[in-house]
Amino acid sequence: MQQPRKIPMRTCIACREEKPKREMLRVVKNSEGVISLDFSGKLPGRGAYICSAEECIKKLGQKKLLNKAFSMPVEDAVYQRITEEFLGSR
């Protein structure tokens, strides 16, 4: 008898809710300190997850949550890119 596959869960850095990894957006900081959006979920580096709820995307920029997640200052352009990626398409 085969074991059911375990679904990887991740915590949103804005709302602190745990959700399946595939439903979340991963923001990654690579070894050079460059921050980018990771749609594949496989880029190397330190990752932070955010759910696609509009409130979470807004809270991310307002409270500068990536600065804390990556322990470094994050440019406003990164927050704008994430906001445009999600809220621009709605």
PDB file of N, CA and C in Angstrom:
ATOM      1  N   MET A   1       0.834  -1.190   0.000  1.00  0.00           N
ATOM      2  CA  MET A   1       0.000   0.000   0.000  1.00  0.00           C
ATOM      3  C   MET A   1       0.876   1.251   0.000  1.00  0.00           C
ATOM      4  N   GLN A   2       0.519   2.192  -0.875  1.00  0.00           N
ATOM      5  CA  GLN A   2       1.336   3.387  -1.048  1.00  0.00           C
ATOM      6  C   GLN A   2       0.923   4.496  -0.084  1.00  0.00           C
ATOM      7  N   GLN A   3       1.921   5.179   0.480  1.00  0.00           N
ATOM      8  CA  GLN A   3       1.665   6.302   1.390  1.00  0.00           C
ATOM      9  C   GLN A   3       1.176   7.506   0.573  1.00  0.00           C
ATOM     10  N   PRO A   4       0.208   8.284   1.106  1.00  0.00           N
ATOM     11  CA  PRO A   4      -0.195   9.495   0.385  1.00  0.00           C
ATOM     12  C   PRO A   4       0.945  10.511   0.385  1.00  0.00           C
ATOM     13  N   ARG A   5       1.081  11.249  -0.740  1.00  0.00           N
ATOM     14  CA  ARG A   5       2.165  12.217  -0.856  1.00  0.00           C
ATOM     15  C   ARG A   5       1.948  13.366   0.118  1.00  0.00           C
ATOM     16  N   LYS A   6       3.032  13.780   0.764  1.00  0.00           N
ATOM     17  CA  LYS A   6       2.961  14.897   1.700  1.00  0.00           C
ATOM     18  C   LYS A   6       3.018  16.203   0.904  1.00  0.00           C
ATOM     19  N   ILE A   7       2.112  17.113   1.215  1.00  0.00           N
ATOM     20  CA  ILE A   7       2.082  18.401   0.523  1.00  0.00           C
ATOM     21  C   ILE A   7       2.947  19.383   1.299  1.00  0.00           C
ATOM     22  N   PRO A   8       3.994  19.958   0.646  1.00  0.00           N
ATOM     23  CA  PRO A   8       4.844  20.915   1.359  1.00  0.00           C
ATOM     24  C   PRO A   8       4.065  22.184   1.694  1.00  0.00           C
ATOM     25  N   MET A   9       4.160  22.626   2.947  1.00  0.00           N
ATOM     26  CA  MET A   9       3.455  23.816   3.405  1.00  0.00           C
ATOM     27  C   MET A   9       4.468  24.929   3.682  1.00  0.00           C
ATOM     28  N   ARG A  10       4.061  26.161   3.434  1.00  0.00           N
ATOM     29  CA  ARG A  10       4.907  27.323   3.700  1.00  0.00           C
ATOM     30  C   ARG A  10       4.070  28.394   4.399  1.00  0.00           C
ATOM     31  N   THR A  11       4.735  29.273   5.146  1.00  0.00           N
ATOM     32  CA  THR A  11       4.050  30.333   5.877  1.00  0.00           C
ATOM     33  C   THR A  11       4.206  31.661   5.154  1.00  0.00           C
ATOM     34  N   CYS A  12       3.093  32.357   4.965  1.00  0.00           N
ATOM     35  CA  CYS A  12       3.104  33.678   4.338  1.00  0.00           C
ATOM     36  C   CYS A  12       3.751  34.673   5.301  1.00  0.00           C
ATOM     37  N   ILE A  13       4.685  35.498   4.806  1.00  0.00           N
ATOM     38  CA  ILE A  13       5.366  36.451   5.685  1.00  0.00           C
ATOM     39  C   ILE A  13       4.467  37.636   6.046  1.00  0.00           C
ATOM     40  N   ALA A  14       3.322  37.802   5.385  1.00  0.00           N
ATOM     41  CA  ALA A  14       2.420  38.903   5.695  1.00  0.00           C
ATOM     42  C   ALA A  14       1.325  38.489   6.678  1.00  0.00           C
ATOM     43  N   CYS A  15       0.576  37.431   6.357  1.00  0.00           N
ATOM     44  CA  CYS A  15      -0.552  37.039   7.209  1.00  0.00           C
ATOM     45  C   CYS A  15      -0.204  35.913   8.179  1.00  0.00           C
ATOM     46  N   ARG A  16       0.981  35.302   8.031  1.00  0.00           N
ATOM     47  CA  ARG A  16       1.474  34.221   8.879  1.00  0.00           C
ATOM     48  C   ARG A  16       0.637  32.944   8.783  1.00  0.00           C
ATOM     49  N   GLU A  17      -0.166  32.821   7.712  1.00  0.00           N
ATOM     50  CA  GLU A  17      -0.961  31.609   7.510  1.00  0.00           C
ATOM     51  C   GLU A  17      -0.132  30.578   6.760  1.00  0.00           C
ATOM     52  N   GLU A  18      -0.330  29.320   7.122  1.00  0.00           N
ATOM     53  CA  GLU A  18       0.373  28.238   6.445  1.00  0.00           C
ATOM     54  C   GLU A  18      -0.505  27.732   5.301  1.00  0.00           C
ATOM     55  N   LYS A  19       0.072  27.683   4.105  1.00  0.00           N
ATOM     56  CA  LYS A  19      -0.668  27.245   2.919  1.00  0.00           C
ATOM     57  C   LYS A  19       0.227  26.341   2.079  1.00  0.00           C
ATOM     58  N   PRO A  20      -0.371  25.575   1.157  1.00  0.00           N
ATOM     59  CA  PRO A  20       0.463  24.734   0.279  1.00  0.00           C
ATOM     60  C   PRO A  20       1.449  25.580  -0.534  1.00  0.00           C
ATOM     61  N   LYS A  21       2.662  25.075  -0.664  1.00  0.00           N
ATOM     62  CA  LYS A  21       3.747  25.786  -1.352  1.00  0.00           C
ATOM     63  C   LYS A  21       3.362  26.230  -2.762  1.00  0.00           C
ATOM     64  N   ARG A  22       2.635  25.408  -3.483  1.00  0.00           N
ATOM     65  CA  ARG A  22       2.274  25.722  -4.876  1.00  0.00           C
ATOM     66  C   ARG A  22       1.327  26.910  -5.002  1.00  0.00           C
ATOM     67  N   GLU A  23       0.620  27.255  -3.932  1.00  0.00           N
ATOM     68  CA  GLU A  23      -0.315  28.391  -3.964  1.00  0.00           C
ATOM     69  C   GLU A  23       0.354  29.707  -3.613  1.00  0.00           C
ATOM     70  N   MET A  24       1.633  29.659  -3.263  1.00  0.00           N
ATOM     71  CA  MET A  24       2.343  30.851  -2.789  1.00  0.00           C
ATOM     72  C   MET A  24       3.330  31.354  -3.847  1.00  0.00           C
ATOM     73  N   LEU A  25       3.667  32.632  -3.725  1.00  0.00           N
ATOM     74  CA  LEU A  25       4.718  33.219  -4.559  1.00  0.00           C
ATOM     75  C   LEU A  25       6.000  33.211  -3.752  1.00  0.00           C
ATOM     76  N   ARG A  26       7.086  32.768  -4.351  1.00  0.00           N
ATOM     77  CA  ARG A  26       8.383  32.751  -3.674  1.00  0.00           C
ATOM     78  C   ARG A  26       9.208  33.933  -4.175  1.00  0.00           C
ATOM     79  N   VAL A  27       9.733  34.676  -3.221  1.00  0.00           N
ATOM     80  CA  VAL A  27      10.672  35.760  -3.520  1.00  0.00           C
ATOM     81  C   VAL A  27      12.010  35.246  -3.021  1.00  0.00           C
ATOM     82  N   VAL A  28      13.042  35.332  -3.870  1.00  0.00           N
ATOM     83  CA  VAL A  28      14.321  34.713  -3.514  1.00  0.00           C
ATOM     84  C   VAL A  28      15.461  35.731  -3.558  1.00  0.00           C
ATOM     85  N   LYS A  29      16.400  35.575  -2.615  1.00  0.00           N
ATOM     86  CA  LYS A  29      17.626  36.375  -2.607  1.00  0.00           C
ATOM     87  C   LYS A  29      18.766  35.418  -2.904  1.00  0.00           C
ATOM     88  N   ASN A  30      19.481  35.672  -4.010  1.00  0.00           N
ATOM     89  CA  ASN A  30      20.575  34.764  -4.381  1.00  0.00           C
ATOM     90  C   ASN A  30      21.861  35.128  -3.642  1.00  0.00           C
ATOM     91  N   SER A  31      22.937  34.413  -3.908  1.00  0.00           N
ATOM     92  CA  SER A  31      24.195  34.602  -3.184  1.00  0.00           C
ATOM     93  C   SER A  31      24.819  35.985  -3.409  1.00  0.00           C
ATOM     94  N   GLU A  32      24.456  36.654  -4.518  1.00  0.00           N
ATOM     95  CA  GLU A  32      24.959  38.011  -4.766  1.00  0.00           C
ATOM     96  C   GLU A  32      24.095  39.073  -4.087  1.00  0.00           C
ATOM     97  N   GLY A  33      23.007  38.652  -3.467  1.00  0.00           N
ATOM     98  CA  GLY A  33      22.110  39.596  -2.802  1.00  0.00           C
ATOM     99  C   GLY A  33      21.044  40.174  -3.719  1.00  0.00           C
ATOM    100  N   VAL A  34      20.893  39.609  -4.922  1.00  0.00           N
ATOM    101  CA  VAL A  34      19.892  40.078  -5.874  1.00  0.00           C
ATOM    102  C   VAL A  34      18.554  39.423  -5.538  1.00  0.00           C
ATOM    103  N   ILE A  35      17.506  40.237  -5.440  1.00  0.00           N
ATOM    104  CA  ILE A  35      16.183  39.720  -5.093  1.00  0.00           C
ATOM    105  C   ILE A  35      15.327  39.636  -6.345  1.00  0.00           C
ATOM    106  N   SER A  36      14.668  38.501  -6.516  1.00  0.00           N
ATOM    107  CA  SER A  36      13.829  38.321  -7.696  1.00  0.00           C
ATOM    108  C   SER A  36      12.630  37.435  -7.364  1.00  0.00           C
ATOM    109  N   LEU A  37      11.651  37.460  -8.264  1.00  0.00           N
ATOM    110  CA  LEU A  37      10.476  36.607  -8.116  1.00  0.00           C
ATOM    111  C   LEU A  37      10.821  35.234  -8.671  1.00  0.00           C
ATOM    112  N   ASP A  38      10.407  34.194  -7.960  1.00  0.00           N
ATOM    113  CA  ASP A  38      10.709  32.833  -8.371  1.00  0.00           C
ATOM    114  C   ASP A  38       9.410  32.092  -8.649  1.00  0.00           C
ATOM    115  N   PHE A  39       9.015  32.050  -9.930  1.00  0.00           N
ATOM    116  CA  PHE A  39       7.758  31.402 -10.296  1.00  0.00           C
ATOM    117  C   PHE A  39       7.888  29.882 -10.323  1.00  0.00           C
ATOM    118  N   SER A  40       9.106  29.378 -10.555  1.00  0.00           N
ATOM    119  CA  SER A  40       9.311  27.935 -10.604  1.00  0.00           C
ATOM    120  C   SER A  40       9.419  27.330  -9.207  1.00  0.00           C
ATOM    121  N   GLY A  41       9.832  28.148  -8.239  1.00  0.00           N
ATOM    122  CA  GLY A  41      10.027  27.646  -6.874  1.00  0.00           C
ATOM    123  C   GLY A  41      11.316  26.866  -6.718  1.00  0.00           C
ATOM    124  N   LYS A  42      12.221  26.983  -7.690  1.00  0.00           N
ATOM    125  CA  LYS A  42      13.434  26.166  -7.670  1.00  0.00           C
ATOM    126  C   LYS A  42      14.734  26.968  -7.749  1.00  0.00           C
ATOM    127  N   LEU A  43      14.651  28.289  -7.798  1.00  0.00           N
ATOM    128  CA  LEU A  43      15.876  29.079  -7.869  1.00  0.00           C
ATOM    129  C   LEU A  43      16.681  28.916  -6.587  1.00  0.00           C
ATOM    130  N   PRO A  44      18.013  28.897  -6.693  1.00  0.00           N
ATOM    131  CA  PRO A  44      18.827  28.766  -5.485  1.00  0.00           C
ATOM    132  C   PRO A  44      18.822  30.068  -4.687  1.00  0.00           C
ATOM    133  N   GLY A  45      18.917  29.946  -3.392  1.00  0.00           N
ATOM    134  CA  GLY A  45      18.997  31.119  -2.531  1.00  0.00           C
ATOM    135  C   GLY A  45      17.974  31.087  -1.412  1.00  0.00           C
ATOM    136  N   ARG A  46      17.969  32.134  -0.632  1.00  0.00           N
ATOM    137  CA  ARG A  46      17.063  32.259   0.513  1.00  0.00           C
ATOM    138  C   ARG A  46      15.690  32.671   0.017  1.00  0.00           C
ATOM    139  N   GLY A  47      14.669  31.941   0.383  1.00  0.00           N
ATOM    140  CA  GLY A  47      13.326  32.226  -0.100  1.00  0.00           C
ATOM    141  C   GLY A  47      12.406  32.747   0.984  1.00  0.00           C
ATOM    142  N   ALA A  48      11.470  33.591   0.580  1.00  0.00           N
ATOM    143  CA  ALA A  48      10.396  34.062   1.456  1.00  0.00           C
ATOM    144  C   ALA A  48       9.106  33.881   0.663  1.00  0.00           C
ATOM    145  N   TYR A  49       8.059  33.465   1.337  1.00  0.00           N
ATOM    146  CA  TYR A  49       6.803  33.163   0.647  1.00  0.00           C
ATOM    147  C   TYR A  49       5.725  34.171   1.008  1.00  0.00           C
ATOM    148  N   ILE A  50       4.913  34.516   0.000  1.00  0.00           N
ATOM    149  CA  ILE A  50       3.787  35.418   0.197  1.00  0.00           C
ATOM    150  C   ILE A  50       2.588  34.836  -0.545  1.00  0.00           C
ATOM    151  N   CYS A  51       1.417  34.864   0.094  1.00  0.00           N
ATOM    152  CA  CYS A  51       0.234  34.358  -0.598  1.00  0.00           C
ATOM    153  C   CYS A  51      -0.281  35.445  -1.545  1.00  0.00           C
ATOM    154  N   SER A  52      -1.158  35.085  -2.454  1.00  0.00           N
ATOM    155  CA  SER A  52      -1.572  36.024  -3.486  1.00  0.00           C
ATOM    156  C   SER A  52      -2.782  36.875  -3.083  1.00  0.00           C
ATOM    157  N   ALA A  53      -3.125  36.895  -1.795  1.00  0.00           N
ATOM    158  CA  ALA A  53      -4.224  37.749  -1.335  1.00  0.00           C
ATOM    159  C   ALA A  53      -3.816  39.217  -1.467  1.00  0.00           C
ATOM    160  N   GLU A  54      -4.739  40.042  -1.937  1.00  0.00           N
ATOM    161  CA  GLU A  54      -4.440  41.456  -2.170  1.00  0.00           C
ATOM    162  C   GLU A  54      -3.957  42.159  -0.899  1.00  0.00           C
ATOM    163  N   GLU A  55      -4.568  41.834   0.247  1.00  0.00           N
ATOM    164  CA  GLU A  55      -4.165  42.463   1.514  1.00  0.00           C
ATOM    165  C   GLU A  55      -2.704  42.127   1.852  1.00  0.00           C
ATOM    166  N   CYS A  56      -2.303  40.885   1.582  1.00  0.00           N
ATOM    167  CA  CYS A  56      -0.932  40.460   1.882  1.00  0.00           C
ATOM    168  C   CYS A  56       0.077  41.173   0.981  1.00  0.00           C
ATOM    169  N   ILE A  57      -0.259  41.335  -0.293  1.00  0.00           N
ATOM    170  CA  ILE A  57       0.638  42.018  -1.226  1.00  0.00           C
ATOM    171  C   ILE A  57       0.809  43.475  -0.794  1.00  0.00           C
ATOM    172  N   LYS A  58      -0.284  44.122  -0.392  1.00  0.00           N
ATOM    173  CA  LYS A  58      -0.213  45.523   0.063  1.00  0.00           C
ATOM    174  C   LYS A  58       0.579  45.635   1.361  1.00  0.00           C
ATOM    175  N   LYS A  59       0.338  44.715   2.290  1.00  0.00           N
ATOM    176  CA  LYS A  59       1.029  44.726   3.581  1.00  0.00           C
ATOM    177  C   LYS A  59       2.535  44.518   3.396  1.00  0.00           C
ATOM    178  N   LEU A  60       2.898  43.698   2.415  1.00  0.00           N
ATOM    179  CA  LEU A  60       4.307  43.423   2.119  1.00  0.00           C
ATOM    180  C   LEU A  60       5.067  44.722   1.863  1.00  0.00           C
ATOM    181  N   GLY A  61       4.489  45.592   1.020  1.00  0.00           N
ATOM    182  CA  GLY A  61       5.147  46.861   0.700  1.00  0.00           C
ATOM    183  C   GLY A  61       5.043  47.888   1.805  1.00  0.00           C
ATOM    184  N   GLN A  62       3.896  47.969   2.451  1.00  0.00           N
ATOM    185  CA  GLN A  62       3.690  48.966   3.502  1.00  0.00           C
ATOM    186  C   GLN A  62       4.616  48.745   4.695  1.00  0.00           C
ATOM    187  N   LYS A  63       4.776  47.492   5.088  1.00  0.00           N
ATOM    188  CA  LYS A  63       5.578  47.182   6.279  1.00  0.00           C
ATOM    189  C   LYS A  63       7.001  46.749   5.939  1.00  0.00           C
ATOM    190  N   LYS A  64       7.342  46.757   4.632  1.00  0.00           N
ATOM    191  CA  LYS A  64       8.692  46.381   4.180  1.00  0.00           C
ATOM    192  C   LYS A  64       9.106  45.021   4.760  1.00  0.00           C
ATOM    193  N   LEU A  65       8.246  44.021   4.571  1.00  0.00           N
ATOM    194  CA  LEU A  65       8.456  42.704   5.180  1.00  0.00           C
ATOM    195  C   LEU A  65       9.648  41.944   4.606  1.00  0.00           C
ATOM    196  N   LEU A  66      10.028  42.242   3.359  1.00  0.00           N
ATOM    197  CA  LEU A  66      11.187  41.543   2.786  1.00  0.00           C
ATOM    198  C   LEU A  66      12.483  41.985   3.459  1.00  0.00           C
ATOM    199  N   ASN A  67      12.536  43.237   3.945  1.00  0.00           N
ATOM    200  CA  ASN A  67      13.734  43.701   4.651  1.00  0.00           C
ATOM    201  C   ASN A  67      14.025  42.795   5.842  1.00  0.00           C
ATOM    202  N   LYS A  68      12.973  42.442   6.582  1.00  0.00           N
ATOM    203  CA  LYS A  68      13.131  41.577   7.749  1.00  0.00           C
ATOM    204  C   LYS A  68      13.437  40.140   7.329  1.00  0.00           C
ATOM    205  N   ALA A  69      12.727  39.643   6.319  1.00  0.00           N
ATOM    206  CA  ALA A  69      12.913  38.255   5.882  1.00  0.00           C
ATOM    207  C   ALA A  69      14.330  38.001   5.374  1.00  0.00           C
ATOM    208  N   PHE A  70      14.915  38.983   4.687  1.00  0.00           N
ATOM    209  CA  PHE A  70      16.251  38.801   4.114  1.00  0.00           C
ATOM    210  C   PHE A  70      17.350  39.494   4.919  1.00  0.00           C
ATOM    211  N   SER A  71      17.000  40.126   6.045  1.00  0.00           N
ATOM    212  CA  SER A  71      17.971  40.819   6.914  1.00  0.00           C
ATOM    213  C   SER A  71      18.840  41.798   6.143  1.00  0.00           C
ATOM    214  N   MET A  72      18.211  42.560   5.257  1.00  0.00           N
ATOM    215  CA  MET A  72      18.934  43.562   4.467  1.00  0.00           C
ATOM    216  C   MET A  72      17.927  44.557   3.911  1.00  0.00           C
ATOM    217  N   PRO A  73      18.382  45.773   3.575  1.00  0.00           N
ATOM    218  CA  PRO A  73      17.439  46.724   2.957  1.00  0.00           C
ATOM    219  C   PRO A  73      17.063  46.268   1.549  1.00  0.00           C
ATOM    220  N   VAL A  74      15.782  46.343   1.233  1.00  0.00           N
ATOM    221  CA  VAL A  74      15.278  45.936  -0.082  1.00  0.00           C
ATOM    222  C   VAL A  74      14.757  47.182  -0.786  1.00  0.00           C
ATOM    223  N   GLU A  75      15.150  47.354  -2.045  1.00  0.00           N
ATOM    224  CA  GLU A  75      14.750  48.541  -2.810  1.00  0.00           C
ATOM    225  C   GLU A  75      13.245  48.586  -3.033  1.00  0.00           C
ATOM    226  N   ASP A  76      12.704  49.801  -3.086  1.00  0.00           N
ATOM    227  CA  ASP A  76      11.272  49.985  -3.345  1.00  0.00           C
ATOM    228  C   ASP A  76      10.870  49.389  -4.689  1.00  0.00           C
ATOM    229  N   ALA A  77      11.793  49.361  -5.650  1.00  0.00           N
ATOM    230  CA  ALA A  77      11.494  48.820  -6.981  1.00  0.00           C
ATOM    231  C   ALA A  77      11.085  47.351  -6.902  1.00  0.00           C
ATOM    232  N   VAL A  78      11.663  46.609  -5.978  1.00  0.00           N
ATOM    233  CA  VAL A  78      11.316  45.192  -5.808  1.00  0.00           C
ATOM    234  C   VAL A  78       9.875  45.071  -5.338  1.00  0.00           C
ATOM    235  N   TYR A  79       9.500  45.885  -4.358  1.00  0.00           N
ATOM    236  CA  TYR A  79       8.121  45.871  -3.854  1.00  0.00           C
ATOM    237  C   TYR A  79       7.139  46.285  -4.951  1.00  0.00           C
ATOM    238  N   GLN A  80       7.532  47.290  -5.744  1.00  0.00           N
ATOM    239  CA  GLN A  80       6.658  47.755  -6.836  1.00  0.00           C
ATOM    240  C   GLN A  80       6.459  46.651  -7.870  1.00  0.00           C
ATOM    241  N   ARG A  81       7.536  45.931  -8.193  1.00  0.00           N
ATOM    242  CA  ARG A  81       7.458  44.857  -9.174  1.00  0.00           C
ATOM    243  C   ARG A  81       6.510  43.751  -8.701  1.00  0.00           C
ATOM    244  N   ILE A  82       6.585  43.398  -7.433  1.00  0.00           N
ATOM    245  CA  ILE A  82       5.701  42.369  -6.886  1.00  0.00           C
ATOM    246  C   ILE A  82       4.253  42.850  -6.922  1.00  0.00           C
ATOM    247  N   THR A  83       4.034  44.100  -6.524  1.00  0.00           N
ATOM    248  CA  THR A  83       2.674  44.664  -6.525  1.00  0.00           C
ATOM    249  C   THR A  83       2.110  44.698  -7.942  1.00  0.00           C
ATOM    250  N   GLU A  84       2.911  45.151  -8.911  1.00  0.00           N
ATOM    251  CA  GLU A  84       2.451  45.216 -10.304  1.00  0.00           C
ATOM    252  C   GLU A  84       2.161  43.815 -10.849  1.00  0.00           C
ATOM    253  N   GLU A  85       3.004  42.861 -10.506  1.00  0.00           N
ATOM    254  CA  GLU A  85       2.850  41.486 -10.985  1.00  0.00           C
ATOM    255  C   GLU A  85       1.501  40.917 -10.556  1.00  0.00           C
ATOM    256  N   PHE A  86       1.114  41.221  -9.319  1.00  0.00           N
ATOM    257  CA  PHE A  86      -0.136  40.669  -8.794  1.00  0.00           C
ATOM    258  C   PHE A  86      -1.344  41.562  -8.993  1.00  0.00           C
ATOM    259  N   LEU A  87      -1.248  42.793  -8.522  1.00  0.00           N
ATOM    260  CA  LEU A  87      -2.416  43.660  -8.538  1.00  0.00           C
ATOM    261  C   LEU A  87      -2.644  44.325  -9.893  1.00  0.00           C
ATOM    262  N   GLY A  88      -1.598  44.405 -10.699  1.00  0.00           N
ATOM    263  CA  GLY A  88      -1.741  44.998 -12.028  1.00  0.00           C
ATOM    264  C   GLY A  88      -2.584  44.131 -12.947  1.00  0.00           C
ATOM    265  N   SER A  89      -2.599  42.822 -12.690  1.00  0.00           N
ATOM    266  CA  SER A  89      -3.358  41.903 -13.541  1.00  0.00           C
ATOM    267  C   SER A  89      -4.804  41.723 -13.088  1.00  0.00           C
ATOM    268  N   ARG A  90      -5.192  42.415 -12.005  1.00  0.00           N
ATOM    269  CA  ARG A  90      -6.572  42.263 -11.482  1.00  0.00           C
ATOM    270  C   ARG A  90      -7.447  43.400 -11.899  1.00  0.00           C
TER     271      ARG A  90
END
